Protein backbone atom coordinates (compact mmCIF):
# COMPACT_ATOMS: atom_id res chain seq x y z
CA MET A 1 -47.63 10.16 -70.37
CA ILE A 2 -44.65 8.06 -71.16
CA THR A 3 -46.20 4.80 -70.14
CA ALA A 4 -49.10 5.52 -72.49
CA VAL A 5 -46.86 6.57 -75.32
CA VAL A 6 -44.71 3.31 -75.19
CA ILE A 7 -48.03 1.01 -74.89
CA VAL A 8 -49.44 2.71 -77.73
CA TYR A 9 -46.72 2.46 -80.36
CA THR A 10 -45.71 -0.98 -78.93
CA PHE A 11 -49.50 -1.97 -79.42
CA PHE A 12 -50.26 -0.63 -82.79
CA GLY A 13 -46.62 -0.81 -84.49
CA GLY A 14 -45.33 -4.24 -83.02
CA GLN A 15 -41.56 -5.05 -83.43
CA LYS A 16 -41.15 -3.19 -86.57
CA ALA A 17 -41.96 -0.05 -84.63
CA VAL A 18 -39.46 -0.80 -81.91
CA LEU A 19 -36.96 -1.63 -83.97
CA TYR A 20 -37.23 1.84 -86.13
CA THR A 21 -37.77 4.09 -82.89
CA ASP A 22 -35.05 2.02 -81.01
CA PHE A 23 -32.81 2.72 -83.97
CA THR A 24 -33.64 6.70 -83.99
CA GLN A 25 -33.14 6.47 -80.29
CA ALA A 26 -29.88 4.84 -80.01
CA VAL A 27 -28.56 7.15 -82.65
CA ALA A 28 -29.63 10.28 -80.42
CA PHE A 29 -28.31 8.63 -77.10
CA LEU A 30 -25.04 8.18 -78.43
CA LEU A 31 -24.26 11.55 -79.95
CA ALA A 32 -25.51 12.87 -76.52
CA VAL A 33 -22.83 10.78 -74.81
CA VAL A 34 -20.40 11.94 -77.10
CA VAL A 35 -21.31 15.43 -76.10
CA VAL A 36 -21.52 15.09 -72.34
CA VAL A 37 -18.31 13.45 -71.73
CA PRO A 38 -15.95 16.55 -72.49
CA LEU A 39 -18.34 18.68 -71.07
CA SER A 40 -18.64 16.71 -68.03
CA ILE A 41 -14.90 16.52 -67.81
CA SER A 42 -14.35 19.82 -68.25
CA ALA A 43 -16.96 21.23 -65.86
CA ALA A 44 -15.22 18.87 -63.17
CA GLY A 45 -11.75 20.41 -63.57
CA GLY A 46 -10.11 17.95 -65.76
CA TRP A 47 -9.19 14.22 -65.29
CA SER A 48 -6.44 14.89 -62.86
CA GLU A 49 -8.91 16.89 -60.40
CA ILE A 50 -11.61 14.27 -60.81
CA THR A 51 -9.15 11.37 -59.78
CA ALA A 52 -7.94 13.46 -56.85
CA THR A 53 -11.51 14.37 -55.37
CA VAL A 54 -12.81 10.82 -56.07
CA ASP A 55 -9.89 9.20 -54.25
CA THR A 56 -10.46 11.22 -51.32
CA ASP A 57 -13.89 10.31 -51.02
CA GLN A 58 -13.14 6.73 -51.62
CA PRO A 59 -9.53 5.63 -51.54
CA GLY A 60 -8.41 3.24 -53.97
CA PHE A 61 -11.31 3.82 -56.39
CA PHE A 62 -9.21 3.77 -59.32
CA GLY A 63 -6.90 1.00 -58.01
CA ALA A 64 -6.68 -2.42 -59.46
CA THR A 65 -9.89 -3.61 -57.15
CA GLY A 66 -11.00 -0.12 -55.92
CA GLY A 67 -13.97 0.27 -57.64
CA VAL A 68 -16.06 0.80 -60.81
CA MET A 69 -12.87 2.24 -62.70
CA GLY A 70 -10.65 -0.59 -61.19
CA LEU A 71 -9.11 -2.94 -63.66
CA LEU A 72 -10.91 -5.99 -62.05
CA ASN A 73 -14.07 -4.31 -62.11
CA ALA A 74 -13.77 -2.76 -65.20
CA THR A 75 -13.14 -6.04 -66.71
CA ALA A 76 -16.17 -7.67 -64.91
CA LEU A 77 -18.40 -4.85 -66.31
CA PHE A 78 -17.11 -5.58 -69.67
CA PHE A 79 -18.33 -9.15 -69.76
CA VAL A 80 -21.42 -8.02 -67.88
CA TRP A 81 -22.53 -5.81 -70.64
CA PHE A 82 -20.82 -7.53 -73.99
CA LEU A 83 -22.30 -10.97 -72.77
CA GLY A 84 -25.32 -9.36 -71.36
CA TYR A 85 -26.25 -7.88 -74.77
CA LEU A 86 -25.68 -10.99 -76.56
CA GLY A 87 -28.05 -12.86 -74.40
CA HIS A 88 -30.45 -9.99 -73.84
CA PRO A 89 -33.95 -11.32 -74.46
CA GLY A 90 -34.69 -8.37 -76.60
CA PHE A 91 -32.03 -8.88 -79.04
CA LEU A 92 -33.08 -12.41 -79.07
CA THR A 93 -36.44 -12.03 -80.35
CA ARG A 94 -34.98 -9.62 -83.07
CA PHE A 95 -33.34 -12.56 -84.38
CA TYR A 96 -36.34 -14.11 -85.77
CA ALA A 97 -36.51 -11.00 -87.94
CA ALA A 98 -32.97 -11.27 -89.63
CA ARG A 99 -32.67 -12.12 -93.19
CA SER A 100 -30.46 -15.24 -92.50
CA GLU A 101 -28.86 -17.05 -89.69
CA ARG A 102 -25.49 -15.86 -90.36
CA ASP A 103 -26.90 -12.01 -90.35
CA ALA A 104 -28.33 -12.77 -86.76
CA ILE A 105 -24.95 -13.75 -85.78
CA LYS A 106 -22.98 -11.08 -87.25
CA THR A 107 -25.44 -7.89 -85.85
CA GLY A 108 -25.77 -9.84 -82.64
CA ILE A 109 -22.02 -9.60 -81.86
CA ALA A 110 -21.74 -6.20 -83.52
CA VAL A 111 -24.27 -4.71 -81.35
CA SER A 112 -22.38 -5.89 -78.22
CA ALA A 113 -19.29 -4.81 -79.42
CA VAL A 114 -20.35 -1.43 -80.90
CA TYR A 115 -22.00 -0.30 -77.41
CA LEU A 116 -18.88 -1.07 -75.54
CA PRO A 117 -16.83 2.05 -76.44
CA PHE A 118 -19.79 4.13 -75.57
CA TRP A 119 -20.53 2.45 -72.20
CA ALA A 120 -16.69 3.30 -71.50
CA LEU A 121 -17.55 7.09 -72.14
CA ILE A 122 -20.46 6.65 -69.98
CA GLY A 123 -18.06 5.55 -67.02
CA PHE A 124 -15.56 8.29 -67.47
CA ALA A 125 -18.78 10.79 -67.36
CA GLY A 126 -19.87 9.02 -64.43
CA ALA A 127 -16.51 9.42 -62.52
CA ALA A 128 -16.68 13.15 -63.50
CA MET A 129 -20.05 13.73 -61.96
CA ARG A 130 -19.08 11.63 -58.76
CA SER A 131 -16.60 14.07 -58.36
CA MET A 132 -19.08 17.16 -58.78
CA TYR A 133 -21.69 15.84 -56.88
CA PRO A 134 -20.24 13.86 -53.77
CA GLY A 135 -21.98 11.89 -51.54
CA ALA A 136 -25.89 12.30 -51.31
CA ASP A 137 -26.03 15.89 -52.85
CA VAL A 138 -28.04 14.53 -55.50
CA ASP A 139 -29.92 10.90 -56.48
CA THR A 140 -27.39 8.94 -58.38
CA GLU A 141 -30.05 7.80 -61.02
CA THR A 142 -30.82 11.36 -61.79
CA VAL A 143 -27.12 12.64 -61.68
CA LEU A 144 -27.05 13.24 -65.21
CA VAL A 145 -30.45 15.16 -65.60
CA GLN A 146 -28.92 17.46 -62.96
CA PHE A 147 -25.51 18.11 -64.72
CA VAL A 148 -27.71 18.85 -68.09
CA LEU A 149 -29.47 21.48 -65.86
CA ASP A 150 -26.34 22.98 -64.01
CA HIS A 151 -23.91 22.98 -67.01
CA THR A 152 -25.35 23.37 -70.26
CA PRO A 153 -26.94 26.09 -72.36
CA ALA A 154 -30.85 25.65 -72.70
CA ILE A 155 -30.51 24.18 -76.62
CA ILE A 156 -28.19 21.75 -75.88
CA ALA A 157 -30.01 20.78 -72.67
CA GLY A 158 -33.20 20.41 -74.94
CA VAL A 159 -31.18 17.72 -77.38
CA LEU A 160 -29.67 15.80 -74.53
CA PHE A 161 -33.18 15.71 -72.39
CA ALA A 162 -34.54 14.26 -75.66
CA ALA A 163 -31.79 11.66 -75.62
CA ILE A 164 -32.16 10.73 -72.26
CA LEU A 165 -35.76 10.22 -72.74
CA GLY A 166 -35.06 8.44 -75.98
CA ALA A 167 -32.72 6.17 -74.19
CA ILE A 168 -35.84 5.51 -71.46
CA LEU A 169 -38.35 4.69 -74.32
CA SER A 170 -35.96 2.23 -76.01
CA SER A 171 -35.49 0.23 -73.05
CA ALA A 172 -39.06 0.28 -72.29
CA ASP A 173 -40.57 -0.78 -75.76
CA THR A 174 -37.68 -3.33 -76.34
CA TRP A 175 -38.71 -4.93 -72.64
CA LEU A 176 -42.37 -4.58 -73.00
CA LEU A 177 -42.80 -6.40 -76.48
CA THR A 178 -40.45 -8.93 -75.17
CA ALA A 179 -42.33 -9.77 -72.03
CA ALA A 180 -45.52 -9.92 -73.97
CA SER A 181 -44.13 -12.20 -77.09
CA SER A 182 -42.80 -14.50 -74.50
CA GLY A 183 -45.70 -14.41 -71.99
CA SER A 184 -48.27 -15.34 -75.37
CA HIS A 185 -45.88 -17.55 -77.08
CA ASP A 186 -44.19 -19.46 -74.23
CA LEU A 187 -46.28 -19.22 -71.40
CA LEU A 188 -50.20 -19.03 -72.53
CA ARG A 189 -50.13 -21.44 -75.56
CA GLN A 190 -48.11 -23.84 -73.97
CA VAL A 191 -50.53 -23.57 -70.77
CA SER A 192 -53.60 -23.89 -72.83
CA ARG A 193 -52.15 -26.30 -75.16
CA ARG A 194 -53.94 -25.49 -78.01
CA GLN A 195 -52.83 -24.47 -81.45
CA TRP A 196 -53.53 -20.78 -82.14
CA THR A 197 -53.27 -19.14 -85.37
CA ASP A 198 -50.91 -16.20 -85.91
CA SER A 199 -53.65 -13.77 -85.74
CA GLN A 200 -55.08 -15.48 -82.40
CA LEU A 201 -51.45 -15.35 -81.08
CA LEU A 202 -50.77 -11.73 -82.18
CA ARG A 203 -54.17 -10.75 -80.37
CA ARG A 204 -53.17 -12.22 -77.05
CA THR A 205 -49.63 -10.46 -77.32
CA LYS A 206 -50.80 -7.03 -77.90
CA CYS A 207 -53.59 -7.61 -74.89
CA LEU A 208 -50.32 -8.59 -72.79
CA VAL A 209 -48.56 -5.50 -73.94
CA VAL A 210 -51.30 -3.47 -72.53
CA LEU A 211 -51.54 -5.28 -69.29
CA LEU A 212 -48.05 -5.38 -68.62
CA GLY A 213 -47.60 -1.60 -69.50
CA LEU A 214 -50.42 -0.86 -67.12
CA ALA A 215 -48.78 -3.21 -64.35
CA ALA A 216 -45.39 -1.34 -64.59
CA LEU A 217 -46.62 2.10 -64.10
CA PRO A 218 -47.03 2.07 -60.22
CA PHE A 219 -43.01 0.95 -60.27
CA GLY A 220 -42.46 4.13 -62.25
CA LEU A 221 -44.31 6.32 -59.83
CA TRP A 222 -42.55 4.63 -57.13
CA ARG A 223 -39.48 4.34 -58.83
CA PRO A 224 -37.59 2.33 -56.23
CA THR A 225 -33.83 3.01 -55.86
CA TYR A 226 -32.63 -0.50 -56.66
CA ILE A 227 -33.41 -0.16 -60.38
CA THR A 228 -29.80 0.00 -61.39
CA ASP A 229 -28.83 -2.91 -59.30
CA MET A 230 -31.91 -5.07 -60.62
CA MET A 231 -30.70 -4.10 -64.29
CA THR A 232 -27.03 -5.23 -63.20
CA ILE A 233 -28.30 -8.60 -61.95
CA ALA A 234 -30.43 -8.69 -65.19
CA TYR A 235 -27.31 -8.26 -67.30
CA THR A 236 -25.38 -10.54 -65.31
CA VAL A 237 -27.61 -13.54 -65.65
CA ALA A 238 -28.20 -12.90 -69.28
CA GLY A 239 -24.60 -12.85 -69.93
CA ALA A 240 -23.32 -15.83 -67.54
CA SER A 241 -25.96 -17.60 -68.81
CA GLY A 242 -27.13 -16.85 -72.44
CA GLY A 243 -24.37 -14.94 -73.72
CA VAL A 244 -21.78 -17.82 -73.10
CA LEU A 245 -24.00 -20.28 -74.56
CA ILE A 246 -24.75 -18.24 -77.75
CA LEU A 247 -20.89 -18.04 -78.38
CA PHE A 248 -20.53 -21.76 -77.74
CA SER A 249 -23.55 -22.95 -80.14
CA LEU A 250 -21.91 -20.26 -82.86
CA TYR A 251 -18.34 -21.48 -82.79
CA TRP A 252 -17.89 -25.01 -80.91
CA ARG A 253 -19.79 -27.84 -82.85
CA ARG A 254 -19.43 -30.16 -80.10
CA THR A 255 -21.75 -28.26 -77.88
CA THR A 256 -24.65 -30.53 -76.73
CA ARG A 257 -28.38 -29.87 -75.48
CA GLN A 258 -27.25 -31.25 -72.05
CA ALA A 259 -24.50 -28.89 -71.85
CA ALA A 260 -26.51 -26.02 -72.80
CA TRP A 261 -29.19 -26.68 -70.14
CA SER A 262 -26.41 -27.20 -67.48
CA GLY A 263 -24.30 -24.10 -68.23
CA LEU A 264 -27.83 -21.96 -68.09
CA THR A 265 -28.77 -23.50 -64.98
CA PHE A 266 -25.30 -22.92 -63.31
CA GLY A 267 -24.79 -19.47 -64.83
CA VAL A 268 -28.46 -18.42 -63.37
CA VAL A 269 -28.41 -19.57 -60.14
CA ALA A 270 -24.68 -18.45 -59.64
CA ALA A 271 -24.89 -15.00 -61.20
CA VAL A 272 -28.28 -14.42 -59.00
CA GLY A 273 -26.54 -15.94 -55.68
CA GLY A 274 -23.38 -13.93 -56.30
CA ARG A 275 -25.35 -10.53 -56.80
CA ILE A 276 -27.29 -10.99 -53.79
CA ALA A 277 -24.23 -11.78 -51.54
CA GLN A 278 -22.52 -8.71 -52.96
CA LEU A 279 -25.49 -6.58 -52.51
CA THR A 280 -25.79 -7.88 -48.74
CA GLY A 281 -21.95 -7.29 -48.13
CA ALA A 282 -21.28 -11.16 -48.07
CA THR A 283 -18.39 -10.68 -50.32
CA PRO A 284 -15.39 -8.22 -50.47
CA GLU A 285 -16.14 -4.73 -52.04
CA TRP A 286 -13.89 -5.41 -54.77
CA PHE A 287 -15.05 -8.86 -55.76
CA ASP A 288 -17.60 -9.19 -58.72
CA PRO A 289 -19.06 -12.44 -59.14
CA ILE A 290 -19.26 -12.35 -62.82
CA LEU A 291 -15.86 -13.56 -63.44
CA PRO A 292 -16.03 -16.71 -61.51
CA THR A 293 -19.49 -17.43 -62.94
CA LEU A 294 -18.36 -16.82 -66.38
CA VAL A 295 -15.46 -19.67 -65.67
CA GLY A 296 -17.85 -22.06 -64.13
CA THR A 297 -20.28 -21.89 -66.79
CA THR A 298 -17.58 -22.29 -69.39
CA LEU A 299 -16.06 -25.21 -67.71
CA ILE A 300 -19.26 -27.07 -67.43
CA VAL A 301 -20.38 -26.51 -70.90
CA VAL A 302 -17.20 -27.70 -71.96
CA VAL A 303 -17.18 -30.98 -69.79
CA VAL A 304 -20.75 -32.03 -70.04
CA SER A 305 -20.76 -31.78 -73.84
CA LEU A 306 -17.68 -34.04 -74.03
CA MET A 307 -19.27 -36.50 -71.78
CA THR A 308 -22.68 -36.68 -73.34
CA PRO A 309 -23.66 -37.97 -77.02
CA VAL A 310 -23.41 -35.73 -79.81
CA ASP A 311 -26.71 -33.97 -80.51
CA ALA A 312 -27.43 -34.55 -84.60
CA ALA A 313 -30.11 -31.91 -84.83
CA ALA A 314 -27.83 -28.92 -83.10
CA THR A 315 -24.77 -29.82 -85.26
CA SER A 316 -27.13 -29.89 -88.49
CA VAL A 317 -28.02 -26.49 -87.47
CA PHE A 318 -24.47 -25.54 -87.02
CA ASP A 319 -23.33 -26.76 -89.98
CA ARG A 320 -26.07 -24.84 -92.13
CA ILE A 321 -25.20 -21.57 -90.34
CA ARG A 322 -21.24 -22.12 -91.07
CA ARG A 323 -21.49 -23.60 -94.34
CA PRO A 324 -21.21 -20.20 -96.52
CA ASP A 325 -18.02 -19.58 -94.84
CA PRO A 326 -15.42 -20.94 -97.56
CA ASP A 327 -12.71 -21.48 -94.55
CA TYR A 328 -14.95 -23.63 -92.56
CA ASP A 329 -14.03 -27.18 -92.12
CA PRO A 330 -16.55 -29.36 -89.76
CA SER A 331 -13.55 -31.93 -88.82
CA ALA A 332 -11.47 -28.99 -87.73
CA SER A 333 -14.01 -27.47 -85.26
CA SER A 334 -15.08 -30.08 -83.08
CA THR A 335 -13.28 -33.03 -81.26
CA LYS A 336 -13.77 -36.61 -82.25
CA GLU A 337 -17.34 -37.22 -81.91
CA THR A 338 -18.59 -40.59 -80.62
CA VAL A 339 -22.14 -41.60 -79.70
């Protein structure tokens, strides 16, 4: 049923429907987070009880390198989700609907920044639920549902379940529309080497919406337990490659096309390889590959940019975007340019 709903309103509504529903669902989910966090901490007996229980189950979990709540891992998660949202293909496709390039810049960064406090709150709620449901007492991907059933009144549970469903639909329709748009625009049209009209491109995109939605149905029924790991890898790749490059392209005029491709390639390979090594136990439990990957991508973009000729087309776009800023001075935002 959920698959049919997502396919139908993505098929008929397109990007406008996805934008409106995503906004409504995001508001509901953020309100739900605000409600769940104090309820979960209170139900677990307070923060001191939570830390004591979790540390007993996994010593050092809240230490500098102990786990998700550790300083090193918290820093890594910050970059994963902040830069991951900035390089998220779903958000990148929405930039085309912005009123101006500057609006795309401001909203892209604002979305990343606004979500961060709520992801932090979810981390606190997750620690509380880890304390209440230790070990294998409940599936970690349905622990929030179990908590709502066990600890909230029926009317609040209904609202929270609606918010959870909204969050699921929001992610599903965004990724479905992004995949269908990319498949028709960047794959089918390039392979066919034909010039399609807007109506022809729209029809093919809608067909892909249906086909990809149906193709995802078996995964939804099977629901492999590594979906969360797959999402983390996806956001790591988006952040380590796309997110870093977007920031460079917006704030460093000297960034070149060769540097962008070099940084993108390194970021993808290093992020995927690092996550695979982490999941297979080839690296220490406290080690998160996102931090060295970000450093490596940054260095590659800077070094390659300085070693390659200035890209006139890229700098003209950069100047056009930054020109409305009265404080912008092109000569102060880049190094000496030599061709």
